[in-house]
N, C-alpha and C. Protein backbone atom coordinates (compact mmCIF):
# COMPACT_ATOMS: atom_id res chain seq x y z
N MET A 1 -6.46 22.72 -9.60
CA MET A 1 -5.42 23.72 -9.79
C MET A 1 -5.13 23.85 -11.27
N SER A 2 -5.04 25.10 -11.75
CA SER A 2 -4.77 25.33 -13.16
C SER A 2 -3.48 26.11 -13.31
N GLY A 3 -3.05 26.28 -14.55
CA GLY A 3 -1.83 27.01 -14.82
C GLY A 3 -0.66 26.07 -15.01
N GLN A 4 0.48 26.65 -15.31
CA GLN A 4 1.67 25.86 -15.59
C GLN A 4 2.23 25.24 -14.33
N ARG A 5 2.59 23.98 -14.38
CA ARG A 5 3.15 23.29 -13.23
C ARG A 5 4.60 23.71 -13.02
N VAL A 6 4.91 24.12 -11.79
CA VAL A 6 6.27 24.52 -11.45
C VAL A 6 6.96 23.35 -10.76
N PRO A 7 8.13 22.94 -11.21
CA PRO A 7 8.82 21.82 -10.57
C PRO A 7 9.02 22.06 -9.08
N PHE A 8 8.77 21.03 -8.30
CA PHE A 8 8.91 21.14 -6.85
C PHE A 8 10.37 21.32 -6.46
N GLN A 9 10.62 22.28 -5.56
CA GLN A 9 11.95 22.50 -5.02
C GLN A 9 11.92 22.21 -3.53
N PRO A 10 12.58 21.13 -3.06
CA PRO A 10 12.50 20.78 -1.65
C PRO A 10 13.19 21.81 -0.77
N ALA A 11 12.67 21.97 0.44
CA ALA A 11 13.31 22.84 1.42
C ALA A 11 14.52 22.15 2.00
N PRO A 12 15.52 22.92 2.47
CA PRO A 12 16.69 22.29 3.09
C PRO A 12 16.28 21.44 4.28
N PHE A 13 16.86 20.27 4.39
CA PHE A 13 16.55 19.37 5.50
C PHE A 13 17.75 18.49 5.76
N ALA A 14 18.26 18.54 6.96
CA ALA A 14 19.46 17.77 7.28
C ALA A 14 19.10 16.32 7.55
N ASN A 15 19.84 15.40 6.94
CA ASN A 15 19.70 13.99 7.26
C ASN A 15 21.05 13.33 7.13
N ARG A 16 21.07 12.04 7.37
CA ARG A 16 22.36 11.38 7.48
C ARG A 16 23.12 11.38 6.16
N ALA A 17 22.41 11.55 5.05
CA ALA A 17 23.07 11.56 3.76
C ALA A 17 23.46 12.95 3.32
N GLY A 18 23.03 13.96 4.09
CA GLY A 18 23.31 15.32 3.70
C GLY A 18 22.55 15.76 2.47
N LYS A 19 21.44 15.07 2.17
CA LYS A 19 20.65 15.38 0.99
C LYS A 19 19.27 15.87 1.40
N GLU A 20 18.53 16.40 0.45
CA GLU A 20 17.19 16.90 0.69
C GLU A 20 16.17 15.92 0.11
N PRO A 21 15.10 15.61 0.85
CA PRO A 21 14.08 14.72 0.30
C PRO A 21 13.37 15.39 -0.87
N LYS A 22 13.22 14.66 -1.95
CA LYS A 22 12.62 15.23 -3.15
C LYS A 22 11.42 14.44 -3.66
N ALA A 23 11.12 13.30 -3.05
CA ALA A 23 10.04 12.44 -3.52
C ALA A 23 9.33 11.82 -2.33
N VAL A 24 8.09 11.37 -2.58
CA VAL A 24 7.31 10.66 -1.56
C VAL A 24 6.93 9.30 -2.11
N VAL A 25 7.14 8.27 -1.28
CA VAL A 25 6.83 6.89 -1.66
C VAL A 25 5.73 6.38 -0.72
N PHE A 26 4.60 5.99 -1.28
CA PHE A 26 3.44 5.58 -0.49
C PHE A 26 3.25 4.07 -0.48
N ASP A 27 2.85 3.56 0.68
CA ASP A 27 2.17 2.27 0.77
C ASP A 27 0.74 2.47 0.27
N VAL A 28 0.01 1.38 0.05
CA VAL A 28 -1.37 1.49 -0.45
C VAL A 28 -2.39 1.13 0.63
N GLY A 29 -2.38 -0.13 1.12
CA GLY A 29 -3.36 -0.57 2.08
C GLY A 29 -3.25 0.13 3.41
N HIS A 30 -4.36 0.70 3.90
CA HIS A 30 -4.46 1.42 5.17
C HIS A 30 -3.73 2.75 5.16
N VAL A 31 -3.22 3.16 3.99
CA VAL A 31 -2.65 4.50 3.82
C VAL A 31 -3.46 5.26 2.78
N LEU A 32 -3.59 4.69 1.59
CA LEU A 32 -4.39 5.31 0.54
C LEU A 32 -5.80 4.70 0.44
N TYR A 33 -5.91 3.41 0.74
CA TYR A 33 -7.20 2.73 0.69
C TYR A 33 -7.36 1.83 1.91
N ASP A 34 -8.58 1.80 2.44
CA ASP A 34 -8.90 0.86 3.50
C ASP A 34 -9.02 -0.53 2.89
N TRP A 35 -8.77 -1.55 3.71
CA TRP A 35 -8.88 -2.93 3.23
C TRP A 35 -9.13 -3.86 4.40
N ASP A 36 -10.04 -4.80 4.21
CA ASP A 36 -10.28 -5.84 5.21
C ASP A 36 -11.22 -6.87 4.59
N PRO A 37 -10.88 -8.17 4.64
CA PRO A 37 -11.81 -9.19 4.15
C PRO A 37 -13.17 -9.14 4.81
N ARG A 38 -13.24 -8.55 5.99
CA ARG A 38 -14.51 -8.45 6.70
C ARG A 38 -15.55 -7.65 5.90
N PHE A 39 -15.09 -6.67 5.14
CA PHE A 39 -16.03 -5.87 4.36
C PHE A 39 -16.80 -6.73 3.37
N LEU A 40 -16.15 -7.73 2.81
CA LEU A 40 -16.83 -8.66 1.90
C LEU A 40 -17.69 -9.65 2.67
N TYR A 41 -17.10 -10.33 3.65
CA TYR A 41 -17.80 -11.46 4.27
C TYR A 41 -18.90 -11.05 5.24
N ALA A 42 -18.89 -9.80 5.68
CA ALA A 42 -20.02 -9.33 6.49
C ALA A 42 -21.30 -9.30 5.67
N LYS A 43 -21.17 -9.21 4.35
CA LYS A 43 -22.34 -9.27 3.46
C LYS A 43 -22.85 -10.70 3.28
N LEU A 44 -21.96 -11.66 3.49
CA LEU A 44 -22.27 -13.05 3.17
C LEU A 44 -22.57 -13.91 4.40
N ILE A 45 -22.08 -13.46 5.56
CA ILE A 45 -22.26 -14.23 6.80
C ILE A 45 -22.94 -13.32 7.82
N PRO A 46 -24.24 -13.40 8.00
CA PRO A 46 -24.96 -12.45 8.87
C PRO A 46 -24.74 -12.67 10.36
N GLU A 47 -24.35 -13.89 10.75
CA GLU A 47 -24.19 -14.17 12.18
C GLU A 47 -22.81 -13.68 12.66
N PRO A 48 -22.74 -12.74 13.61
CA PRO A 48 -21.46 -12.17 14.05
C PRO A 48 -20.45 -13.20 14.54
N GLU A 49 -20.92 -14.19 15.32
CA GLU A 49 -19.98 -15.18 15.85
C GLU A 49 -19.41 -16.05 14.74
N ARG A 50 -20.25 -16.44 13.82
CA ARG A 50 -19.77 -17.26 12.69
C ARG A 50 -18.83 -16.44 11.80
N LEU A 51 -19.14 -15.18 11.60
CA LEU A 51 -18.26 -14.31 10.81
C LEU A 51 -16.88 -14.22 11.46
N ASP A 52 -16.85 -13.99 12.76
CA ASP A 52 -15.56 -13.91 13.47
C ASP A 52 -14.78 -15.21 13.34
N TRP A 53 -15.48 -16.32 13.49
CA TRP A 53 -14.81 -17.63 13.37
C TRP A 53 -14.24 -17.81 11.97
N PHE A 54 -15.04 -17.50 10.96
CA PHE A 54 -14.61 -17.69 9.58
C PHE A 54 -13.35 -16.87 9.28
N LEU A 55 -13.31 -15.63 9.75
CA LEU A 55 -12.17 -14.76 9.44
C LEU A 55 -10.95 -15.06 10.30
N SER A 56 -11.15 -15.77 11.39
CA SER A 56 -10.00 -16.12 12.24
C SER A 56 -9.49 -17.53 11.99
N HIS A 57 -10.27 -18.35 11.24
CA HIS A 57 -9.85 -19.72 11.00
C HIS A 57 -9.76 -20.09 9.51
N VAL A 58 -10.55 -19.48 8.68
CA VAL A 58 -10.62 -19.89 7.27
C VAL A 58 -9.94 -18.83 6.39
N VAL A 59 -10.66 -17.82 6.01
CA VAL A 59 -10.07 -16.73 5.21
C VAL A 59 -9.42 -15.73 6.18
N THR A 60 -8.22 -16.07 6.58
CA THR A 60 -7.48 -15.25 7.54
C THR A 60 -6.55 -14.30 6.79
N ARG A 61 -6.04 -13.33 7.50
CA ARG A 61 -5.06 -12.42 6.89
C ARG A 61 -3.78 -13.18 6.55
N ALA A 62 -3.37 -14.10 7.40
CA ALA A 62 -2.17 -14.89 7.11
C ALA A 62 -2.34 -15.68 5.82
N TRP A 63 -3.51 -16.26 5.61
CA TRP A 63 -3.78 -16.96 4.36
C TRP A 63 -3.73 -15.98 3.18
N HIS A 64 -4.36 -14.82 3.34
CA HIS A 64 -4.37 -13.84 2.25
C HIS A 64 -2.96 -13.39 1.87
N PHE A 65 -2.08 -13.23 2.86
CA PHE A 65 -0.76 -12.67 2.59
C PHE A 65 0.08 -13.56 1.66
N GLN A 66 -0.32 -14.82 1.48
CA GLN A 66 0.35 -15.66 0.48
C GLN A 66 0.21 -15.06 -0.92
N HIS A 67 -0.92 -14.42 -1.17
CA HIS A 67 -1.14 -13.80 -2.48
C HIS A 67 -0.18 -12.62 -2.68
N ASP A 68 0.08 -11.90 -1.60
CA ASP A 68 0.99 -10.76 -1.69
C ASP A 68 2.41 -11.20 -2.05
N MET A 69 2.72 -12.45 -1.76
CA MET A 69 4.03 -12.98 -2.08
C MET A 69 4.06 -13.62 -3.47
N GLY A 70 2.94 -13.66 -4.15
CA GLY A 70 2.93 -14.13 -5.53
C GLY A 70 2.15 -15.39 -5.79
N ARG A 71 1.58 -16.02 -4.76
CA ARG A 71 0.83 -17.24 -4.98
C ARG A 71 -0.53 -16.93 -5.60
N PRO A 72 -0.96 -17.68 -6.60
CA PRO A 72 -2.26 -17.41 -7.23
C PRO A 72 -3.42 -17.90 -6.37
N PHE A 73 -4.53 -17.21 -6.49
CA PHE A 73 -5.73 -17.55 -5.74
C PHE A 73 -6.20 -18.97 -6.06
N ALA A 74 -6.04 -19.42 -7.30
CA ALA A 74 -6.48 -20.77 -7.66
C ALA A 74 -5.80 -21.83 -6.79
N GLU A 75 -4.52 -21.62 -6.48
CA GLU A 75 -3.78 -22.57 -5.64
C GLU A 75 -4.18 -22.46 -4.18
N THR A 76 -4.18 -21.24 -3.66
CA THR A 76 -4.44 -21.06 -2.23
C THR A 76 -5.87 -21.44 -1.87
N SER A 77 -6.80 -21.16 -2.75
CA SER A 77 -8.20 -21.50 -2.47
C SER A 77 -8.42 -23.01 -2.52
N ALA A 78 -7.77 -23.68 -3.46
CA ALA A 78 -7.91 -25.13 -3.55
C ALA A 78 -7.40 -25.80 -2.27
N GLU A 79 -6.27 -25.32 -1.77
CA GLU A 79 -5.72 -25.87 -0.53
C GLU A 79 -6.66 -25.60 0.65
N LEU A 80 -7.21 -24.41 0.69
CA LEU A 80 -8.09 -24.06 1.81
C LEU A 80 -9.39 -24.85 1.78
N MET A 81 -9.87 -25.14 0.59
CA MET A 81 -11.11 -25.93 0.47
C MET A 81 -10.92 -27.37 0.95
N VAL A 82 -9.72 -27.88 0.81
CA VAL A 82 -9.43 -29.22 1.34
C VAL A 82 -9.51 -29.21 2.87
N LEU A 83 -9.00 -28.15 3.47
CA LEU A 83 -9.01 -28.04 4.93
C LEU A 83 -10.41 -27.74 5.47
N TYR A 84 -11.19 -26.97 4.70
CA TYR A 84 -12.53 -26.55 5.15
C TYR A 84 -13.54 -26.80 4.03
N PRO A 85 -13.85 -28.05 3.77
CA PRO A 85 -14.75 -28.35 2.64
C PRO A 85 -16.15 -27.76 2.81
N ASP A 86 -16.60 -27.61 4.04
CA ASP A 86 -17.93 -27.04 4.26
C ASP A 86 -18.00 -25.56 3.91
N GLU A 87 -16.83 -24.94 3.80
CA GLU A 87 -16.77 -23.50 3.50
C GLU A 87 -16.39 -23.24 2.04
N ARG A 88 -16.45 -24.28 1.24
CA ARG A 88 -15.98 -24.17 -0.15
C ARG A 88 -16.62 -22.99 -0.89
N ASP A 89 -17.92 -22.85 -0.78
CA ASP A 89 -18.61 -21.82 -1.56
C ASP A 89 -18.17 -20.41 -1.14
N LEU A 90 -18.00 -20.20 0.15
CA LEU A 90 -17.57 -18.89 0.63
C LEU A 90 -16.12 -18.61 0.24
N ILE A 91 -15.27 -19.62 0.33
CA ILE A 91 -13.87 -19.45 -0.07
C ILE A 91 -13.79 -19.08 -1.55
N ALA A 92 -14.59 -19.75 -2.36
CA ALA A 92 -14.54 -19.53 -3.81
C ALA A 92 -14.90 -18.11 -4.19
N LEU A 93 -15.68 -17.42 -3.35
CA LEU A 93 -16.11 -16.06 -3.67
C LEU A 93 -15.01 -15.02 -3.43
N TYR A 94 -13.98 -15.39 -2.69
CA TYR A 94 -12.96 -14.39 -2.32
C TYR A 94 -12.28 -13.79 -3.54
N GLY A 95 -11.94 -14.62 -4.50
CA GLY A 95 -11.26 -14.11 -5.70
C GLY A 95 -12.13 -13.22 -6.56
N PRO A 96 -13.26 -13.72 -7.05
CA PRO A 96 -14.09 -12.91 -7.95
C PRO A 96 -14.71 -11.68 -7.30
N ARG A 97 -14.86 -11.71 -5.96
CA ARG A 97 -15.46 -10.56 -5.28
C ARG A 97 -14.45 -9.80 -4.42
N TRP A 98 -13.17 -9.97 -4.75
CA TRP A 98 -12.12 -9.39 -3.91
C TRP A 98 -12.21 -7.87 -3.81
N LEU A 99 -12.64 -7.18 -4.86
CA LEU A 99 -12.74 -5.72 -4.82
C LEU A 99 -13.64 -5.24 -3.69
N GLU A 100 -14.52 -6.10 -3.22
CA GLU A 100 -15.41 -5.71 -2.13
C GLU A 100 -14.71 -5.71 -0.77
N THR A 101 -13.46 -6.14 -0.73
CA THR A 101 -12.68 -6.03 0.51
C THR A 101 -12.12 -4.62 0.68
N ILE A 102 -12.24 -3.78 -0.35
CA ILE A 102 -11.77 -2.39 -0.30
C ILE A 102 -12.98 -1.48 -0.34
N PRO A 103 -13.35 -0.86 0.79
CA PRO A 103 -14.56 -0.04 0.81
C PRO A 103 -14.36 1.36 0.23
N GLY A 104 -13.10 1.82 0.15
CA GLY A 104 -12.87 3.15 -0.38
C GLY A 104 -11.57 3.74 0.13
N PRO A 105 -11.30 5.01 -0.22
CA PRO A 105 -10.05 5.66 0.18
C PRO A 105 -9.98 5.89 1.69
N MET A 106 -8.76 5.98 2.19
CA MET A 106 -8.54 6.43 3.55
C MET A 106 -8.80 7.94 3.60
N PRO A 107 -9.41 8.43 4.66
CA PRO A 107 -9.76 9.85 4.72
C PRO A 107 -8.54 10.76 4.59
N GLY A 108 -8.62 11.68 3.65
CA GLY A 108 -7.63 12.74 3.54
C GLY A 108 -6.38 12.47 2.75
N THR A 109 -6.04 11.22 2.51
CA THR A 109 -4.74 10.96 1.89
C THR A 109 -4.73 11.23 0.39
N HIS A 110 -5.87 11.07 -0.27
CA HIS A 110 -5.89 11.36 -1.69
C HIS A 110 -5.68 12.85 -1.95
N ALA A 111 -6.18 13.68 -1.05
CA ALA A 111 -5.95 15.12 -1.18
C ALA A 111 -4.46 15.45 -1.08
N ILE A 112 -3.74 14.72 -0.24
CA ILE A 112 -2.30 14.91 -0.12
C ILE A 112 -1.60 14.53 -1.41
N VAL A 113 -1.98 13.39 -1.97
CA VAL A 113 -1.40 12.97 -3.24
C VAL A 113 -1.68 14.00 -4.33
N GLU A 114 -2.90 14.50 -4.39
CA GLU A 114 -3.26 15.48 -5.40
C GLU A 114 -2.44 16.76 -5.24
N ALA A 115 -2.22 17.19 -4.01
CA ALA A 115 -1.43 18.40 -3.77
C ALA A 115 0.03 18.20 -4.17
N LEU A 116 0.58 17.04 -3.84
CA LEU A 116 1.96 16.75 -4.23
C LEU A 116 2.08 16.72 -5.75
N ALA A 117 1.14 16.05 -6.39
CA ALA A 117 1.18 15.93 -7.86
C ALA A 117 1.07 17.31 -8.52
N ALA A 118 0.17 18.16 -7.99
CA ALA A 118 -0.01 19.48 -8.57
C ALA A 118 1.25 20.32 -8.46
N ALA A 119 2.05 20.06 -7.42
CA ALA A 119 3.30 20.80 -7.23
C ALA A 119 4.48 20.18 -7.96
N GLY A 120 4.25 19.07 -8.64
CA GLY A 120 5.32 18.44 -9.39
C GLY A 120 6.24 17.55 -8.58
N VAL A 121 5.80 17.15 -7.38
CA VAL A 121 6.61 16.26 -6.55
C VAL A 121 6.58 14.85 -7.13
N PRO A 122 7.71 14.19 -7.31
CA PRO A 122 7.70 12.79 -7.76
C PRO A 122 7.05 11.88 -6.72
N ILE A 123 6.11 11.07 -7.17
CA ILE A 123 5.36 10.18 -6.28
C ILE A 123 5.53 8.75 -6.77
N PHE A 124 5.79 7.84 -5.82
CA PHE A 124 6.01 6.43 -6.13
C PHE A 124 5.24 5.58 -5.12
N GLY A 125 5.20 4.27 -5.35
CA GLY A 125 4.54 3.37 -4.42
C GLY A 125 5.29 2.07 -4.25
N ILE A 126 5.20 1.50 -3.04
CA ILE A 126 5.64 0.13 -2.75
C ILE A 126 4.51 -0.51 -1.97
N THR A 127 3.92 -1.56 -2.50
CA THR A 127 2.78 -2.17 -1.84
C THR A 127 2.91 -3.68 -1.77
N ASN A 128 2.57 -4.23 -0.61
CA ASN A 128 2.39 -5.67 -0.48
C ASN A 128 1.00 -5.98 -1.01
N PHE A 129 0.95 -6.55 -2.22
CA PHE A 129 -0.33 -6.67 -2.93
C PHE A 129 -0.22 -7.83 -3.91
N SER A 130 -1.25 -8.64 -3.97
CA SER A 130 -1.32 -9.72 -4.96
C SER A 130 -1.27 -9.13 -6.37
N ALA A 131 -0.48 -9.75 -7.24
CA ALA A 131 -0.41 -9.27 -8.63
C ALA A 131 -1.76 -9.41 -9.33
N GLU A 132 -2.47 -10.51 -9.11
CA GLU A 132 -3.75 -10.69 -9.80
C GLU A 132 -4.83 -9.78 -9.21
N PHE A 133 -4.79 -9.53 -7.90
CA PHE A 133 -5.77 -8.61 -7.32
C PHE A 133 -5.43 -7.16 -7.70
N TRP A 134 -4.14 -6.85 -7.83
CA TRP A 134 -3.75 -5.53 -8.28
C TRP A 134 -4.27 -5.27 -9.70
N ALA A 135 -4.23 -6.27 -10.53
CA ALA A 135 -4.74 -6.12 -11.90
C ALA A 135 -6.23 -5.81 -11.91
N LEU A 136 -6.97 -6.32 -10.93
CA LEU A 136 -8.38 -5.98 -10.80
C LEU A 136 -8.58 -4.58 -10.24
N PHE A 137 -7.75 -4.23 -9.28
CA PHE A 137 -7.95 -3.00 -8.51
C PHE A 137 -7.45 -1.75 -9.22
N ARG A 138 -6.29 -1.85 -9.87
CA ARG A 138 -5.66 -0.65 -10.43
C ARG A 138 -6.59 0.13 -11.36
N PRO A 139 -7.36 -0.50 -12.24
CA PRO A 139 -8.24 0.29 -13.13
C PRO A 139 -9.33 1.06 -12.39
N THR A 140 -9.61 0.69 -11.14
CA THR A 140 -10.65 1.37 -10.37
C THR A 140 -10.10 2.54 -9.58
N ALA A 141 -8.80 2.77 -9.62
CA ALA A 141 -8.13 3.72 -8.73
C ALA A 141 -7.31 4.74 -9.52
N PRO A 142 -7.96 5.77 -10.06
CA PRO A 142 -7.23 6.75 -10.87
C PRO A 142 -6.21 7.57 -10.10
N ILE A 143 -6.24 7.54 -8.78
CA ILE A 143 -5.24 8.27 -8.00
C ILE A 143 -3.83 7.84 -8.39
N PHE A 144 -3.69 6.58 -8.84
CA PHE A 144 -2.35 6.09 -9.18
C PHE A 144 -1.86 6.61 -10.53
N ASP A 145 -2.69 7.34 -11.25
CA ASP A 145 -2.21 8.00 -12.46
C ASP A 145 -1.14 9.03 -12.13
N HIS A 146 -1.12 9.50 -10.88
CA HIS A 146 -0.11 10.48 -10.45
C HIS A 146 1.23 9.84 -10.11
N PHE A 147 1.27 8.51 -10.03
CA PHE A 147 2.47 7.82 -9.58
C PHE A 147 3.38 7.52 -10.78
N ARG A 148 4.66 7.73 -10.58
CA ARG A 148 5.62 7.47 -11.65
C ARG A 148 5.95 5.98 -11.77
N ASP A 149 5.86 5.28 -10.66
CA ASP A 149 6.12 3.83 -10.67
C ASP A 149 5.59 3.26 -9.37
N ILE A 150 5.14 1.99 -9.41
CA ILE A 150 4.65 1.30 -8.22
C ILE A 150 5.21 -0.11 -8.23
N ILE A 151 5.88 -0.46 -7.16
CA ILE A 151 6.39 -1.82 -7.00
C ILE A 151 5.35 -2.65 -6.26
N VAL A 152 4.90 -3.74 -6.88
CA VAL A 152 3.87 -4.62 -6.33
C VAL A 152 4.54 -5.92 -5.89
N SER A 153 4.40 -6.26 -4.63
CA SER A 153 5.12 -7.40 -4.07
C SER A 153 4.81 -8.70 -4.80
N GLY A 154 3.53 -8.91 -5.15
CA GLY A 154 3.16 -10.16 -5.80
C GLY A 154 3.79 -10.33 -7.16
N THR A 155 4.09 -9.23 -7.82
CA THR A 155 4.77 -9.28 -9.12
C THR A 155 6.25 -9.59 -8.94
N GLU A 156 6.85 -8.95 -7.94
CA GLU A 156 8.30 -9.10 -7.71
C GLU A 156 8.64 -10.30 -6.84
N ARG A 157 7.62 -10.84 -6.16
CA ARG A 157 7.82 -11.91 -5.17
C ARG A 157 8.80 -11.48 -4.08
N LEU A 158 8.64 -10.25 -3.69
CA LEU A 158 9.37 -9.65 -2.56
C LEU A 158 8.37 -8.88 -1.74
N MET A 159 8.44 -8.98 -0.42
CA MET A 159 7.49 -8.29 0.44
C MET A 159 8.21 -7.40 1.43
N LYS A 160 7.63 -6.24 1.70
CA LYS A 160 8.09 -5.43 2.82
C LYS A 160 7.91 -6.24 4.11
N PRO A 161 8.83 -6.17 5.05
CA PRO A 161 10.01 -5.30 5.09
C PRO A 161 11.31 -5.95 4.62
N ASP A 162 11.26 -6.90 3.72
CA ASP A 162 12.48 -7.50 3.17
C ASP A 162 13.38 -6.39 2.60
N PRO A 163 14.63 -6.30 3.03
CA PRO A 163 15.52 -5.26 2.50
C PRO A 163 15.61 -5.28 0.98
N ALA A 164 15.39 -6.45 0.36
CA ALA A 164 15.54 -6.55 -1.09
C ALA A 164 14.50 -5.70 -1.83
N ILE A 165 13.30 -5.53 -1.25
CA ILE A 165 12.29 -4.75 -1.97
C ILE A 165 12.63 -3.27 -1.94
N TYR A 166 13.27 -2.82 -0.84
CA TYR A 166 13.69 -1.43 -0.79
C TYR A 166 14.88 -1.19 -1.71
N ALA A 167 15.77 -2.16 -1.79
CA ALA A 167 16.90 -2.03 -2.71
C ALA A 167 16.41 -1.94 -4.15
N LEU A 168 15.41 -2.76 -4.49
CA LEU A 168 14.82 -2.70 -5.82
C LEU A 168 14.20 -1.34 -6.07
N ALA A 169 13.49 -0.82 -5.08
CA ALA A 169 12.83 0.47 -5.23
C ALA A 169 13.85 1.60 -5.40
N ARG A 170 14.90 1.57 -4.63
CA ARG A 170 15.93 2.61 -4.76
C ARG A 170 16.48 2.65 -6.19
N THR A 171 16.71 1.46 -6.74
CA THR A 171 17.26 1.38 -8.10
C THR A 171 16.23 1.82 -9.13
N ARG A 172 15.03 1.30 -9.05
CA ARG A 172 14.01 1.61 -10.05
C ARG A 172 13.55 3.05 -9.98
N PHE A 173 13.43 3.58 -8.78
CA PHE A 173 12.95 4.94 -8.62
C PHE A 173 14.07 5.97 -8.78
N GLY A 174 15.31 5.51 -8.67
CA GLY A 174 16.44 6.43 -8.74
C GLY A 174 16.54 7.34 -7.53
N LEU A 175 16.24 6.79 -6.34
CA LEU A 175 16.22 7.58 -5.11
C LEU A 175 17.20 7.00 -4.12
N GLY A 176 18.26 7.75 -3.82
CA GLY A 176 19.29 7.29 -2.91
C GLY A 176 19.02 7.71 -1.48
N ASP A 177 20.04 7.62 -0.65
CA ASP A 177 19.93 7.95 0.77
C ASP A 177 19.36 9.36 0.95
N GLY A 178 18.32 9.44 1.78
CA GLY A 178 17.76 10.73 2.14
C GLY A 178 16.94 11.42 1.07
N GLU A 179 16.76 10.81 -0.07
CA GLU A 179 16.08 11.49 -1.18
C GLU A 179 14.59 11.21 -1.25
N ALA A 180 14.08 10.33 -0.39
CA ALA A 180 12.65 10.00 -0.40
C ALA A 180 12.11 9.94 1.01
N VAL A 181 10.81 10.22 1.13
CA VAL A 181 10.06 9.99 2.36
C VAL A 181 9.10 8.84 2.10
N PHE A 182 9.22 7.77 2.89
CA PHE A 182 8.38 6.60 2.72
C PHE A 182 7.25 6.64 3.75
N VAL A 183 6.01 6.33 3.33
CA VAL A 183 4.84 6.42 4.18
C VAL A 183 4.18 5.05 4.26
N ASP A 184 4.05 4.51 5.48
CA ASP A 184 3.47 3.18 5.65
C ASP A 184 2.82 3.11 7.03
N ASP A 185 1.77 2.29 7.15
CA ASP A 185 1.09 2.14 8.44
C ASP A 185 1.73 1.07 9.32
N ASN A 186 2.61 0.25 8.74
CA ASN A 186 3.23 -0.86 9.48
C ASN A 186 4.60 -0.42 10.00
N PRO A 187 4.80 -0.41 11.33
CA PRO A 187 6.08 0.05 11.88
C PRO A 187 7.29 -0.72 11.34
N ALA A 188 7.13 -2.03 11.10
CA ALA A 188 8.26 -2.81 10.58
C ALA A 188 8.64 -2.34 9.18
N ASN A 189 7.65 -1.99 8.37
CA ASN A 189 7.93 -1.50 7.03
C ASN A 189 8.58 -0.12 7.07
N VAL A 190 8.15 0.71 8.00
CA VAL A 190 8.74 2.02 8.18
C VAL A 190 10.21 1.89 8.57
N GLU A 191 10.47 1.00 9.52
CA GLU A 191 11.85 0.79 9.95
C GLU A 191 12.70 0.23 8.82
N GLY A 192 12.12 -0.65 8.00
CA GLY A 192 12.85 -1.18 6.85
C GLY A 192 13.27 -0.09 5.89
N ALA A 193 12.41 0.89 5.68
CA ALA A 193 12.75 2.00 4.79
C ALA A 193 13.85 2.85 5.38
N ARG A 194 13.79 3.08 6.68
CA ARG A 194 14.84 3.86 7.33
C ARG A 194 16.19 3.16 7.22
N LYS A 195 16.17 1.86 7.44
CA LYS A 195 17.42 1.10 7.33
C LYS A 195 17.95 1.13 5.89
N ALA A 196 17.03 1.27 4.92
CA ALA A 196 17.44 1.32 3.52
C ALA A 196 17.96 2.70 3.12
N GLY A 197 17.86 3.67 4.03
CA GLY A 197 18.44 4.97 3.76
C GLY A 197 17.48 6.10 3.49
N TRP A 198 16.18 5.81 3.55
CA TRP A 198 15.19 6.86 3.31
C TRP A 198 14.67 7.43 4.62
N LEU A 199 14.06 8.61 4.55
CA LEU A 199 13.25 9.10 5.65
C LEU A 199 11.95 8.31 5.63
N ALA A 200 11.24 8.28 6.76
CA ALA A 200 10.02 7.47 6.80
C ALA A 200 9.03 8.06 7.79
N HIS A 201 7.77 7.88 7.49
CA HIS A 201 6.67 8.35 8.34
C HIS A 201 5.77 7.17 8.66
N HIS A 202 5.52 6.95 9.96
CA HIS A 202 4.58 5.92 10.38
C HIS A 202 3.18 6.51 10.30
N PHE A 203 2.40 6.04 9.33
CA PHE A 203 1.08 6.63 9.06
C PHE A 203 0.07 6.21 10.11
N THR A 204 -0.62 7.23 10.66
CA THR A 204 -1.77 6.98 11.53
C THR A 204 -3.00 7.74 11.03
N ASP A 205 -2.79 8.92 10.45
CA ASP A 205 -3.90 9.69 9.88
C ASP A 205 -3.33 10.74 8.94
N ALA A 206 -4.22 11.27 8.09
CA ALA A 206 -3.78 12.21 7.06
C ALA A 206 -3.28 13.52 7.66
N GLN A 207 -3.85 13.95 8.76
CA GLN A 207 -3.45 15.21 9.36
C GLN A 207 -1.98 15.16 9.81
N SER A 208 -1.60 14.07 10.48
CA SER A 208 -0.22 13.94 10.94
C SER A 208 0.74 13.82 9.76
N LEU A 209 0.32 13.10 8.73
CA LEU A 209 1.17 12.97 7.54
C LEU A 209 1.38 14.33 6.89
N ALA A 210 0.32 15.09 6.70
CA ALA A 210 0.45 16.41 6.08
C ALA A 210 1.36 17.31 6.90
N ARG A 211 1.21 17.26 8.20
CA ARG A 211 2.06 18.09 9.08
C ARG A 211 3.53 17.73 8.91
N ASP A 212 3.85 16.44 8.89
CA ASP A 212 5.25 16.03 8.77
C ASP A 212 5.81 16.33 7.39
N LEU A 213 4.98 16.17 6.36
CA LEU A 213 5.46 16.50 5.02
C LEU A 213 5.72 18.00 4.88
N ARG A 214 4.85 18.82 5.46
CA ARG A 214 5.07 20.26 5.43
C ARG A 214 6.35 20.64 6.15
N ALA A 215 6.65 19.95 7.27
CA ALA A 215 7.88 20.23 8.00
C ALA A 215 9.12 19.94 7.16
N LEU A 216 8.98 19.03 6.19
CA LEU A 216 10.08 18.71 5.29
C LEU A 216 10.10 19.59 4.04
N GLY A 217 9.14 20.51 3.96
CA GLY A 217 9.11 21.43 2.84
C GLY A 217 8.20 21.03 1.69
N PHE A 218 7.44 19.94 1.86
CA PHE A 218 6.54 19.51 0.80
C PHE A 218 5.25 20.35 0.82
N PRO A 219 4.74 20.73 -0.34
CA PRO A 219 3.58 21.64 -0.41
C PRO A 219 2.24 20.89 -0.30
N VAL A 220 1.84 20.56 0.91
CA VAL A 220 0.56 19.87 1.13
C VAL A 220 -0.28 20.64 2.13
């Protein structure tokens, strides 16, 4: 899109605060980008049964989520190697090859971000994400150049759906009751945003998201 950018003017929309939504706040994983440790370890463990065992007992999502809360990979991997010494080499690869857990964008959502940005809509992010992995990932993802600010859980040591992370976001983003639409694939995180005073969309696919944003007057 070329030409002068016209500031976005939200359409009237009734909500509990009597305000109009003027910004969109995105989650990252499973909304803007796909993510799964399986994408990495399927390259390293060819046997399906062993791969399933490894991901359900060793490098599990629960183990990974410690990083989203701020724990460094050096600590979590050392602990895991003590529990599973035979898997030491595979565990050690998780950090340096972490970018391979992200195969690419979620279908359609980057086009939505681009349309919002072209219309001058303020765009923000709140993501449960390791600070050190975010430092690796962010330079590979120019879509975030459109974002005015992104709160990373591993940096703040706060995770969705903790009310404190939404309170921090409201203050940093300058968005009060009813002034933002939050988009997340996790129902608990969506409910947390609603309790914090924002509108919220439970993400399942880009088509449904675009439809709901258009209903609120956003130009997507």
